[in-house]
Amino acid sequence: MPRISVFADESGNFDFSRKQGASRYFILTTVTCASFSVGDALLRLRREIAWEGHGMDSEFHATTDKQAVRDQVFAVLAQHDFRIDATILEKAKAAPHTRADDRFYKLAWYLHMKHVAPRVVRRADELFVVSAALGVKKKRAIMHAGVSDVIRQVSPTTEFRCASWSAHSEPCLQVADYCCWAISRKWERGDDRSHQLIANKIRSEFEVFRVGTRTYY
């Protein structure tokens, strides 16, 4: 009975406005792995970077890492086999009744996993879904419950488990962080340089409201 592991990260925020600092998109990205080899490779890279005298205070995090570090991380990712899927929601096109943080977050997960789960898991498989922990403890619990409910609805297998962990505790979440960052740079800034480095691993990049024209702010 194969166990399929899915690691998720998000980019964007829950600020539904055009204020400075508000993201245009909310992007949910998952990395599906048949093994943990890519995460193990990132741990080896971190040790090597420390040995070379370029110590890191925390986990790999694409937004804050130096470009030299990013280059090394993407080089490691290129050597491993995994699947990337992304669901992109333009926030201004989201109807007002969907904007509560937990509701919008759950909607993104539902739309994403309804597409991804049947393509990565069979009925006889086991499914392990790990999301990056968000917010304070109470909010994390609500988000985690939402993810668990979505997986319960869309999973082809009844043998599944969900977890919500901080990125520093799981290197495969750091893989998801890098992939999500690369996709976000393309959508938010029109910068696809990093996106090109992982493009051969992207199996879906779905814009939910692509045909919609109505905006709510």
Protein backbone atom coordinates (compact mmCIF):
# COMPACT_ATOMS: atom_id res chain seq x y z
CA MET A 1 0.00 0.00 0.00
CA PRO A 2 1.98 3.05 -1.21
CA ARG A 3 1.90 6.18 0.93
CA ILE A 4 1.70 9.41 -1.05
CA SER A 5 2.87 12.55 0.74
CA VAL A 6 1.62 16.02 -0.19
CA PHE A 7 3.27 19.13 1.27
CA ALA A 8 1.61 22.52 0.90
CA ASP A 9 2.48 26.17 1.18
CA GLU A 10 0.63 29.38 0.35
CA SER A 11 1.55 32.84 -0.85
CA GLY A 12 -0.51 35.98 -0.55
CA ASN A 13 -2.47 37.35 2.37
CA PHE A 14 -6.07 37.78 3.48
CA ASP A 15 -6.13 41.54 2.90
CA PHE A 16 -8.96 42.05 0.43
CA SER A 17 -8.10 45.57 -0.67
CA ARG A 18 -5.79 47.45 -2.99
CA LYS A 19 -3.73 48.87 -0.15
CA GLN A 20 0.03 48.72 -0.30
CA GLY A 21 1.15 45.32 0.92
CA ALA A 22 -2.03 43.52 -0.11
CA SER A 23 -1.29 40.70 -2.53
CA ARG A 24 -3.24 40.46 -5.77
CA TYR A 25 -3.42 36.67 -5.60
CA PHE A 26 -3.74 33.92 -3.05
CA ILE A 27 -1.79 30.92 -4.34
CA LEU A 28 -1.90 27.41 -2.89
CA THR A 29 0.96 25.19 -4.03
CA THR A 30 1.48 21.52 -3.27
CA VAL A 31 4.45 19.24 -3.79
CA THR A 32 3.62 15.55 -4.11
CA CYS A 33 6.38 13.08 -3.28
CA ALA A 34 6.68 9.32 -3.37
CA SER A 35 9.70 9.58 -1.05
CA PHE A 36 11.37 12.16 1.18
CA SER A 37 14.63 12.24 -0.79
CA VAL A 38 14.31 15.88 -1.82
CA GLY A 39 13.81 16.94 1.80
CA ASP A 40 16.79 14.87 2.90
CA ALA A 41 18.86 16.54 0.19
CA LEU A 42 17.90 19.99 1.49
CA LEU A 43 19.08 19.03 4.97
CA ARG A 44 22.42 17.93 3.51
CA LEU A 45 22.67 21.24 1.66
CA ARG A 46 22.03 23.21 4.82
CA ARG A 47 24.82 21.36 6.62
CA GLU A 48 27.16 21.97 3.69
CA ILE A 49 26.35 25.69 3.64
CA ALA A 50 27.09 25.87 7.37
CA TRP A 51 30.39 24.01 6.89
CA GLU A 52 31.41 26.51 4.22
CA GLY A 53 30.94 29.30 6.75
CA HIS A 54 27.65 30.63 5.41
CA GLY A 55 25.55 29.54 8.37
CA MET A 56 21.80 30.04 8.34
CA ASP A 57 19.80 31.09 11.38
CA SER A 58 16.69 29.19 10.31
CA GLU A 59 15.20 26.98 7.63
CA PHE A 60 15.36 27.64 3.91
CA HIS A 61 12.84 30.36 3.10
CA ALA A 62 12.82 31.69 -0.45
CA THR A 63 11.56 35.18 0.41
CA THR A 64 14.45 35.96 2.75
CA ASP A 65 17.26 33.70 1.51
CA LYS A 66 20.16 35.29 -0.36
CA GLN A 67 20.22 34.70 -4.11
CA ALA A 68 23.32 32.52 -3.78
CA VAL A 69 21.39 30.25 -1.43
CA ARG A 70 18.35 30.21 -3.71
CA ASP A 71 20.55 29.12 -6.60
CA GLN A 72 21.81 26.15 -4.59
CA VAL A 73 18.32 25.17 -3.45
CA PHE A 74 16.90 25.24 -6.97
CA ALA A 75 19.89 23.17 -8.13
CA VAL A 76 18.96 20.53 -5.55
CA LEU A 77 15.28 20.60 -6.53
CA ALA A 78 16.22 20.01 -10.15
CA GLN A 79 17.85 16.70 -9.22
CA HIS A 80 14.71 15.15 -7.71
CA ASP A 81 11.42 13.83 -8.96
CA PHE A 82 8.26 15.34 -7.51
CA ARG A 83 5.03 16.87 -8.75
CA ILE A 84 4.00 20.52 -8.34
CA ASP A 85 0.41 21.77 -8.53
CA ALA A 86 -0.77 25.33 -7.96
CA THR A 87 -4.19 26.94 -7.65
CA ILE A 88 -4.33 30.70 -8.15
CA LEU A 89 -7.17 32.88 -6.88
CA GLU A 90 -7.32 36.56 -7.83
CA LYS A 91 -8.69 37.97 -4.60
CA ALA A 92 -10.57 40.92 -6.11
CA LYS A 93 -12.77 38.46 -8.02
CA ALA A 94 -13.74 36.50 -4.91
CA ALA A 95 -17.32 37.17 -3.86
CA PRO A 96 -17.58 39.00 -0.50
CA HIS A 97 -19.27 36.08 1.28
CA THR A 98 -16.18 33.90 0.64
CA ARG A 99 -13.68 36.30 2.17
CA ALA A 100 -13.63 35.24 5.81
CA ASP A 101 -10.11 33.87 6.37
CA ASP A 102 -11.13 30.32 7.19
CA ARG A 103 -13.77 30.18 4.44
CA PHE A 104 -11.50 31.55 1.71
CA TYR A 105 -8.64 29.29 2.81
CA LYS A 106 -10.90 26.24 2.79
CA LEU A 107 -12.27 27.20 -0.64
CA ALA A 108 -8.74 27.34 -2.04
CA TRP A 109 -7.94 23.94 -0.57
CA TYR A 110 -11.18 22.41 -1.85
CA LEU A 111 -10.68 23.64 -5.41
CA HIS A 112 -7.05 22.55 -5.34
CA MET A 113 -7.39 19.08 -3.85
CA LYS A 114 -10.57 18.25 -5.77
CA HIS A 115 -8.33 18.42 -8.84
CA VAL A 116 -5.09 17.03 -7.41
CA ALA A 117 -6.15 14.20 -5.09
CA PRO A 118 -7.67 11.91 -7.76
CA ARG A 119 -4.55 12.38 -9.88
CA VAL A 120 -1.99 11.44 -7.24
CA VAL A 121 -3.79 8.87 -5.07
CA ARG A 122 -5.58 5.63 -5.79
CA ARG A 123 -8.17 3.95 -3.60
CA ALA A 124 -5.65 1.47 -2.23
CA ASP A 125 -3.03 4.12 -1.36
CA GLU A 126 -2.40 6.00 1.85
CA LEU A 127 -2.46 9.81 1.70
CA PHE A 128 -0.46 12.06 4.03
CA VAL A 129 -1.14 15.80 3.69
CA VAL A 130 1.05 18.33 5.53
CA SER A 131 0.24 22.03 5.41
CA ALA A 132 2.43 24.88 6.63
CA ALA A 133 1.12 26.19 9.93
CA LEU A 134 -0.44 29.66 9.74
CA GLY A 135 -1.17 32.26 12.40
CA VAL A 136 -1.68 31.86 16.14
CA LYS A 137 -2.56 28.54 17.78
CA LYS A 138 -6.35 29.02 17.65
CA LYS A 139 -6.27 30.10 14.00
CA ARG A 140 -3.97 27.20 13.10
CA ALA A 141 -6.47 24.78 14.60
CA ILE A 142 -9.30 26.25 12.49
CA MET A 143 -7.22 26.11 9.32
CA HIS A 144 -6.12 22.56 10.05
CA ALA A 145 -9.71 21.48 10.64
CA GLY A 146 -10.66 23.02 7.30
CA VAL A 147 -7.93 21.12 5.45
CA SER A 148 -8.91 17.86 7.15
CA ASP A 149 -12.54 18.35 6.16
CA VAL A 150 -11.56 19.01 2.53
CA ILE A 151 -9.40 15.88 2.35
CA ARG A 152 -12.24 13.87 3.86
CA GLN A 153 -14.50 15.09 1.05
CA VAL A 154 -12.19 14.62 -1.94
CA SER A 155 -9.72 11.86 -1.09
CA PRO A 156 -10.09 8.69 -3.19
CA THR A 157 -8.77 6.71 -0.20
CA THR A 158 -10.14 6.49 3.33
CA GLU A 159 -6.60 5.92 4.59
CA PHE A 160 -5.42 9.50 5.04
CA ARG A 161 -3.86 11.69 7.69
CA CYS A 162 -3.44 15.48 7.84
CA ALA A 163 -0.89 17.52 9.77
CA SER A 164 -0.09 21.21 10.19
CA TRP A 165 3.58 21.84 10.93
CA SER A 166 5.94 24.78 10.99
CA ALA A 167 8.23 24.89 7.98
CA HIS A 168 11.42 24.67 10.05
CA SER A 169 10.36 21.23 11.29
CA GLU A 170 9.90 19.64 7.85
CA PRO A 171 12.29 20.17 4.92
CA CYS A 172 9.68 19.06 2.38
CA LEU A 173 7.60 22.06 3.46
CA GLN A 174 10.62 24.17 2.54
CA VAL A 175 10.54 22.56 -0.90
CA ALA A 176 6.89 23.65 -1.17
CA ASP A 177 7.87 27.14 0.01
CA TYR A 178 10.42 27.50 -2.80
CA CYS A 179 8.03 26.22 -5.44
CA CYS A 180 5.24 28.49 -4.21
CA TRP A 181 7.59 31.48 -4.17
CA ALA A 182 8.67 30.85 -7.76
CA ILE A 183 5.07 30.61 -8.93
CA SER A 184 4.06 33.68 -6.95
CA ARG A 185 6.89 35.75 -8.46
CA LYS A 186 5.53 34.94 -11.89
CA TRP A 187 1.93 35.89 -11.06
CA GLU A 188 2.50 38.86 -8.76
CA ARG A 189 5.51 40.45 -10.47
CA GLY A 190 5.73 38.97 -13.93
CA ASP A 191 9.16 37.55 -13.02
CA ASP A 192 9.35 33.97 -14.28
CA ARG A 193 13.09 33.31 -13.92
CA SER A 194 12.68 30.96 -10.96
CA HIS A 195 9.46 29.55 -12.38
CA GLN A 196 11.42 28.33 -15.40
CA LEU A 197 13.70 26.32 -13.10
CA ILE A 198 10.78 24.20 -11.86
CA ALA A 199 8.50 24.37 -14.91
CA ASN A 200 9.16 20.76 -15.90
CA LYS A 201 7.75 19.60 -12.56
CA ILE A 202 4.55 21.70 -12.66
CA ARG A 203 1.61 19.48 -13.59
CA SER A 204 -1.12 22.06 -13.07
CA GLU A 205 -1.25 25.83 -12.60
CA PHE A 206 -4.93 26.65 -12.47
CA GLU A 207 -6.33 30.19 -12.26
CA VAL A 208 -9.75 29.80 -10.65
CA PHE A 209 -11.34 33.05 -11.84
CA ARG A 210 -9.57 33.27 -15.21
CA VAL A 211 -12.79 33.75 -17.20
CA GLY A 212 -14.43 36.10 -14.71
CA THR A 213 -14.49 39.84 -15.30
CA ARG A 214 -16.33 41.14 -12.23
CA THR A 215 -14.24 42.54 -9.40
CA TYR A 216 -15.50 43.45 -5.93
CA TYR A 217 -12.94 46.08 -4.94
